[in-house]
C-alpha atoms as a PDB file:
ATOM      1  CA  MET A   1     -25.955  -2.690  15.072  1.00  0.00           C
ATOM      2  CA  VAL A   2     -22.703  -0.666  15.415  1.00  0.00           C
ATOM      3  CA  ILE A   3     -19.544  -2.942  15.634  1.00  0.00           C
ATOM      4  CA  ALA A   4     -16.728  -1.079  17.532  1.00  0.00           C
ATOM      5  CA  ASP A   5     -12.960  -2.333  16.719  1.00  0.00           C
ATOM      6  CA  ASP A   6     -11.116  -1.518  19.951  1.00  0.00           C
ATOM      7  CA  ARG A   7      -7.593  -2.830  18.872  1.00  0.00           C
ATOM      8  CA  THR A   8      -4.867  -0.728  18.300  1.00  0.00           C
ATOM      9  CA  ALA A   9      -3.766   1.450  15.313  1.00  0.00           C
ATOM     10  CA  TRP A  10      -1.083  -0.956  14.186  1.00  0.00           C
ATOM     11  CA  MET A  11      -3.422  -3.924  14.307  1.00  0.00           C
ATOM     12  CA  ARG A  12      -5.991  -2.301  12.134  1.00  0.00           C
ATOM     13  CA  LEU A  13      -3.000  -1.241  10.006  1.00  0.00           C
ATOM     14  CA  GLU A  14      -1.808  -4.819   9.506  1.00  0.00           C
ATOM     15  CA  ASP A  15      -5.279  -5.875   8.699  1.00  0.00           C
ATOM     16  CA  LYS A  16      -5.369  -3.385   5.736  1.00  0.00           C
ATOM     17  CA  TRP A  17      -2.224  -4.892   4.498  1.00  0.00           C
ATOM     18  CA  ALA A  18      -3.013  -8.622   5.124  1.00  0.00           C
ATOM     19  CA  VAL A  19      -6.261  -7.759   2.658  1.00  0.00           C
ATOM     20  CA  CYS A  20      -3.823  -6.087  -0.016  1.00  0.00           C
ATOM     21  CA  PHE A  21      -1.409  -9.067   0.292  1.00  0.00           C
ATOM     22  CA  THR A  22      -3.716 -11.780   0.074  1.00  0.00           C
ATOM     23  CA  ARG A  23      -6.119 -10.604  -2.821  1.00  0.00           C
ATOM     24  CA  CYS A  24      -4.372  -7.781  -5.014  1.00  0.00           C
ATOM     25  CA  PRO A  25      -2.078  -8.826  -7.833  1.00  0.00           C
ATOM     26  CA  LEU A  26       0.100  -5.017  -7.482  1.00  0.00           C
ATOM     27  CA  TYR A  27       0.861  -5.652  -4.309  1.00  0.00           C
ATOM     28  CA  LYS A  28       4.326  -5.590  -4.676  1.00  0.00           C
ATOM     29  CA  LYS A  29       4.243  -2.405  -6.920  1.00  0.00           C
ATOM     30  CA  CYS A  30       1.745  -0.369  -4.455  1.00  0.00           C
ATOM     31  CA  SER A  31       2.689   2.156  -2.304  1.00  0.00           C
ATOM     32  CA  SER A  32      -0.404   3.325  -0.430  1.00  0.00           C
ATOM     33  CA  HIS A  33      -1.772  -0.353   0.293  1.00  0.00           C
ATOM     34  CA  LEU A  34      -5.157   1.042   1.245  1.00  0.00           C
ATOM     35  CA  GLY A  35      -6.962  -2.563   1.789  1.00  0.00           C
ATOM     36  CA  MET A  36     -10.465  -2.860   1.177  1.00  0.00           C
ATOM     37  CA  ASP A  37     -10.804   0.837   0.048  1.00  0.00           C
ATOM     38  CA  CYS A  38      -8.636   0.492  -2.789  1.00  0.00           C
ATOM     39  CA  LYS A  39     -10.376   0.769  -6.351  1.00  0.00           C
ATOM     40  CA  HIS A  40      -9.014  -2.922  -7.502  1.00  0.00           C
ATOM     41  CA  LEU A  41     -10.731  -4.480  -4.417  1.00  0.00           C
ATOM     42  CA  GLY A  42     -14.092  -2.606  -4.769  1.00  0.00           C
ATOM     43  CA  GLY A  43     -13.227   0.672  -3.037  1.00  0.00           C
ATOM     44  CA  GLU A  44     -13.350   4.074  -3.746  1.00  0.00           C
ATOM     45  CA  GLU A  45      -9.708   5.097  -3.604  1.00  0.00           C
ATOM     46  CA  ILE A  46      -7.261   4.911  -6.101  1.00  0.00           C
ATOM     47  CA  PRO A  47      -3.939   3.410  -5.079  1.00  0.00           C
ATOM     48  CA  LYS A  48      -0.442   5.033  -5.792  1.00  0.00           C
ATOM     49  CA  VAL A  49       1.094   2.052  -8.109  1.00  0.00           C
ATOM     50  CA  GLY A  50       4.456   2.354  -9.364  1.00  0.00           C
ATOM     51  CA  VAL A  51       7.028   3.435  -6.840  1.00  0.00           C
ATOM     52  CA  ARG A  52       8.036   1.771  -3.791  1.00  0.00           C
ATOM     53  CA  ASN A  53       9.003   3.299  -0.317  1.00  0.00           C
ATOM     54  CA  GLY A  54      11.173   5.455  -2.678  1.00  0.00           C
ATOM     55  CA  LYS A  55      14.428   3.109  -2.918  1.00  0.00           C
ATOM     56  CA  GLN A  56      13.958   2.669  -6.680  1.00  0.00           C
ATOM     57  CA  SER A  57      14.070   6.837  -7.120  1.00  0.00           C
ATOM     58  CA  LYS A  58      17.069   6.884  -4.651  1.00  0.00           C
ATOM     59  CA  ALA A  59      19.030   4.370  -6.946  1.00  0.00           C
ATOM     60  CA  LYS A  60      18.255   6.071 -10.063  1.00  0.00           C
ATOM     61  CA  THR A  61      19.631   9.730  -8.956  1.00  0.00           C
ATOM     62  CA  LYS A  62      22.418   7.645  -7.511  1.00  0.00           C
ATOM     63  CA  VAL A  63      23.213   6.560 -11.074  1.00  0.00           C
ATOM     64  CA  LYS A  64      22.829  10.026 -12.514  1.00  0.00           C
ATOM     65  CA  LYS A  65      24.879  11.847 -10.161  1.00  0.00           C
ATOM     66  CA  GLY A  66      27.862   9.527 -10.841  1.00  0.00           C
ATOM     67  CA  ILE A  67      28.144  10.616 -14.601  1.00  0.00           C
END
């Protein structure tokens, strides 16, 4: 039996983010939000943890330029 998911792409993406938000302790530090494909939640893919949306790296470069 095959279950087809005919919803729009943003709805499927939102479901992945909801899984990460509710089950993963690294949600705030993660930049990939893979959902159930994540290694921490039993999947195969390794998430990118540490940099969030590039905001942290931009703040560091601004400080370095001011010196």
